[in-house]
Amino acid sequence: MAKNFVIRFASVLFLVILFSALAIHFLFSAGITVVLWIFAFPIILVIPIFVSVALASDEELGVLAHK
């Protein structure tokens, strides 16, 4: 069950990194790309975490649901 969570997290992380890299490469000058990566990195990591947790079921997170 954790496998689904990890696959979802890795997929979202890959897509966010891909779109961020394309945006930084094509929309900004070469002189500020390193600074943009430094400032964008926390956001790049937060998005997959929130998406993966929001889409996860109780079983994937190991939460016992009271019935």
N, C-alpha and C. Protein backbone atom coordinates (compact mmCIF):
# COMPACT_ATOMS: atom_id res chain seq x y z
N MET A 1 0.81 -1.19 0.00
CA MET A 1 0.00 0.00 0.00
C MET A 1 0.86 1.26 0.00
N ALA A 2 1.99 1.19 0.65
CA ALA A 2 2.88 2.34 0.63
C ALA A 2 3.50 2.54 -0.75
N LYS A 3 3.50 1.48 -1.54
CA LYS A 3 4.06 1.56 -2.89
C LYS A 3 3.28 2.57 -3.73
N ASN A 4 1.95 2.57 -3.60
CA ASN A 4 1.13 3.53 -4.35
C ASN A 4 1.45 4.96 -3.94
N PHE A 5 1.66 5.17 -2.64
CA PHE A 5 1.98 6.50 -2.15
C PHE A 5 3.32 6.97 -2.70
N VAL A 6 4.30 6.10 -2.70
CA VAL A 6 5.64 6.45 -3.19
C VAL A 6 5.62 6.73 -4.69
N ILE A 7 4.90 5.91 -5.43
CA ILE A 7 4.80 6.12 -6.88
C ILE A 7 4.11 7.44 -7.17
N ARG A 8 3.03 7.75 -6.45
CA ARG A 8 2.33 9.02 -6.64
C ARG A 8 3.23 10.19 -6.31
N PHE A 9 3.96 10.11 -5.18
CA PHE A 9 4.86 11.18 -4.79
C PHE A 9 5.96 11.38 -5.83
N ALA A 10 6.57 10.30 -6.28
CA ALA A 10 7.66 10.41 -7.26
C ALA A 10 7.16 10.97 -8.59
N SER A 11 5.96 10.58 -8.99
CA SER A 11 5.40 11.08 -10.26
C SER A 11 5.14 12.58 -10.19
N VAL A 12 4.53 13.01 -9.10
CA VAL A 12 4.24 14.44 -8.95
C VAL A 12 5.53 15.23 -8.82
N LEU A 13 6.50 14.71 -8.07
CA LEU A 13 7.78 15.39 -7.92
C LEU A 13 8.48 15.54 -9.26
N PHE A 14 8.48 14.48 -10.06
CA PHE A 14 9.11 14.54 -11.38
C PHE A 14 8.44 15.60 -12.26
N LEU A 15 7.11 15.63 -12.26
CA LEU A 15 6.41 16.62 -13.08
C LEU A 15 6.67 18.05 -12.62
N VAL A 16 6.69 18.26 -11.30
CA VAL A 16 6.96 19.61 -10.78
C VAL A 16 8.38 20.04 -11.12
N ILE A 17 9.34 19.15 -10.98
CA ILE A 17 10.73 19.49 -11.31
C ILE A 17 10.86 19.77 -12.81
N LEU A 18 10.19 18.97 -13.62
CA LEU A 18 10.24 19.16 -15.07
C LEU A 18 9.68 20.52 -15.47
N PHE A 19 8.49 20.84 -14.97
CA PHE A 19 7.88 22.13 -15.33
C PHE A 19 8.67 23.30 -14.75
N SER A 20 9.21 23.14 -13.56
CA SER A 20 10.03 24.21 -12.97
C SER A 20 11.30 24.44 -13.78
N ALA A 21 11.93 23.37 -14.20
CA ALA A 21 13.16 23.49 -14.98
C ALA A 21 12.89 24.17 -16.32
N LEU A 22 11.80 23.78 -16.97
CA LEU A 22 11.46 24.42 -18.25
C LEU A 22 11.13 25.89 -18.07
N ALA A 23 10.37 26.21 -17.02
CA ALA A 23 10.00 27.60 -16.78
C ALA A 23 11.22 28.45 -16.45
N ILE A 24 12.08 27.96 -15.58
CA ILE A 24 13.28 28.72 -15.21
C ILE A 24 14.22 28.87 -16.41
N HIS A 25 14.33 27.84 -17.21
CA HIS A 25 15.25 27.89 -18.35
C HIS A 25 14.77 28.87 -19.42
N PHE A 26 13.49 28.83 -19.74
CA PHE A 26 13.00 29.63 -20.86
C PHE A 26 12.48 31.01 -20.48
N LEU A 27 12.10 31.23 -19.24
CA LEU A 27 11.48 32.50 -18.87
C LEU A 27 12.42 33.48 -18.18
N PHE A 28 13.57 33.02 -17.73
CA PHE A 28 14.45 33.90 -16.97
C PHE A 28 15.85 33.89 -17.56
N SER A 29 16.61 34.94 -17.27
CA SER A 29 17.96 35.04 -17.81
C SER A 29 18.90 34.08 -17.08
N ALA A 30 20.02 33.80 -17.72
CA ALA A 30 20.96 32.82 -17.19
C ALA A 30 21.62 33.28 -15.89
N GLY A 31 21.66 34.57 -15.65
CA GLY A 31 22.32 35.09 -14.46
C GLY A 31 21.58 34.84 -13.16
N ILE A 32 20.28 34.62 -13.24
CA ILE A 32 19.52 34.44 -12.01
C ILE A 32 18.95 33.03 -11.84
N THR A 33 19.35 32.11 -12.68
CA THR A 33 18.78 30.76 -12.60
C THR A 33 19.14 30.06 -11.28
N VAL A 34 20.36 30.23 -10.81
CA VAL A 34 20.76 29.58 -9.56
C VAL A 34 19.95 30.13 -8.39
N VAL A 35 19.76 31.42 -8.37
CA VAL A 35 18.98 32.04 -7.30
C VAL A 35 17.53 31.56 -7.35
N LEU A 36 16.98 31.45 -8.55
CA LEU A 36 15.61 30.96 -8.68
C LEU A 36 15.48 29.52 -8.22
N TRP A 37 16.46 28.67 -8.53
CA TRP A 37 16.42 27.29 -8.06
C TRP A 37 16.47 27.23 -6.54
N ILE A 38 17.29 28.08 -5.93
CA ILE A 38 17.39 28.09 -4.47
C ILE A 38 16.07 28.50 -3.84
N PHE A 39 15.42 29.52 -4.38
CA PHE A 39 14.15 29.98 -3.81
C PHE A 39 12.99 29.06 -4.18
N ALA A 40 13.05 28.41 -5.31
CA ALA A 40 11.94 27.56 -5.74
C ALA A 40 12.01 26.16 -5.15
N PHE A 41 13.15 25.74 -4.66
CA PHE A 41 13.30 24.37 -4.18
C PHE A 41 12.33 23.98 -3.06
N PRO A 42 12.12 24.83 -2.04
CA PRO A 42 11.14 24.45 -1.02
C PRO A 42 9.73 24.28 -1.58
N ILE A 43 9.35 25.12 -2.52
CA ILE A 43 8.03 25.02 -3.14
C ILE A 43 7.94 23.75 -3.99
N ILE A 44 9.03 23.43 -4.67
CA ILE A 44 9.07 22.23 -5.49
C ILE A 44 8.87 20.99 -4.63
N LEU A 45 9.37 20.97 -3.42
CA LEU A 45 9.20 19.82 -2.54
C LEU A 45 7.84 19.80 -1.83
N VAL A 46 7.29 20.96 -1.55
CA VAL A 46 6.02 21.03 -0.83
C VAL A 46 4.85 20.55 -1.68
N ILE A 47 4.84 20.88 -2.93
CA ILE A 47 3.71 20.53 -3.81
C ILE A 47 3.50 19.02 -3.87
N PRO A 48 4.52 18.20 -4.13
CA PRO A 48 4.28 16.74 -4.17
C PRO A 48 3.86 16.17 -2.81
N ILE A 49 4.39 16.72 -1.72
CA ILE A 49 4.00 16.23 -0.40
C ILE A 49 2.53 16.48 -0.16
N PHE A 50 2.05 17.70 -0.40
CA PHE A 50 0.64 18.02 -0.18
C PHE A 50 -0.27 17.22 -1.10
N VAL A 51 0.10 17.10 -2.36
CA VAL A 51 -0.74 16.35 -3.31
C VAL A 51 -0.80 14.88 -2.93
N SER A 52 0.32 14.30 -2.56
CA SER A 52 0.34 12.88 -2.21
C SER A 52 -0.46 12.60 -0.94
N VAL A 53 -0.34 13.45 0.04
CA VAL A 53 -1.09 13.25 1.28
C VAL A 53 -2.58 13.50 1.05
N ALA A 54 -2.91 14.50 0.25
CA ALA A 54 -4.33 14.80 0.00
C ALA A 54 -5.02 13.68 -0.77
N LEU A 55 -4.31 12.99 -1.65
CA LEU A 55 -4.90 11.93 -2.44
C LEU A 55 -4.77 10.54 -1.81
N ALA A 56 -4.05 10.44 -0.71
CA ALA A 56 -3.82 9.15 -0.07
C ALA A 56 -5.05 8.69 0.71
N SER A 57 -5.20 7.38 0.76
CA SER A 57 -6.28 6.81 1.57
C SER A 57 -5.75 6.55 2.98
N ASP A 58 -6.65 6.22 3.88
CA ASP A 58 -6.25 5.94 5.26
C ASP A 58 -5.30 4.76 5.35
N GLU A 59 -5.51 3.75 4.53
CA GLU A 59 -4.65 2.57 4.57
C GLU A 59 -3.22 2.90 4.13
N GLU A 60 -3.08 3.78 3.15
CA GLU A 60 -1.75 4.15 2.67
C GLU A 60 -0.97 4.93 3.72
N LEU A 61 -1.67 5.74 4.50
CA LEU A 61 -0.99 6.53 5.53
C LEU A 61 -0.85 5.78 6.85
N GLY A 62 -1.47 4.64 6.95
CA GLY A 62 -1.38 3.86 8.19
C GLY A 62 -2.26 4.40 9.29
N VAL A 63 -3.35 5.08 8.94
CA VAL A 63 -4.26 5.66 9.92
C VAL A 63 -5.39 4.66 10.15
N LEU A 64 -5.66 4.39 11.41
CA LEU A 64 -6.76 3.50 11.75
C LEU A 64 -8.05 4.30 11.81
N ALA A 65 -9.00 3.96 10.97
CA ALA A 65 -10.27 4.67 10.94
C ALA A 65 -11.26 3.95 11.83
N HIS A 66 -11.94 4.71 12.66
CA HIS A 66 -12.95 4.14 13.56
C HIS A 66 -14.24 3.95 12.76
N LYS A 67 -14.79 2.76 12.87
CA LYS A 67 -16.04 2.49 12.14
C LYS A 67 -17.13 2.15 13.11
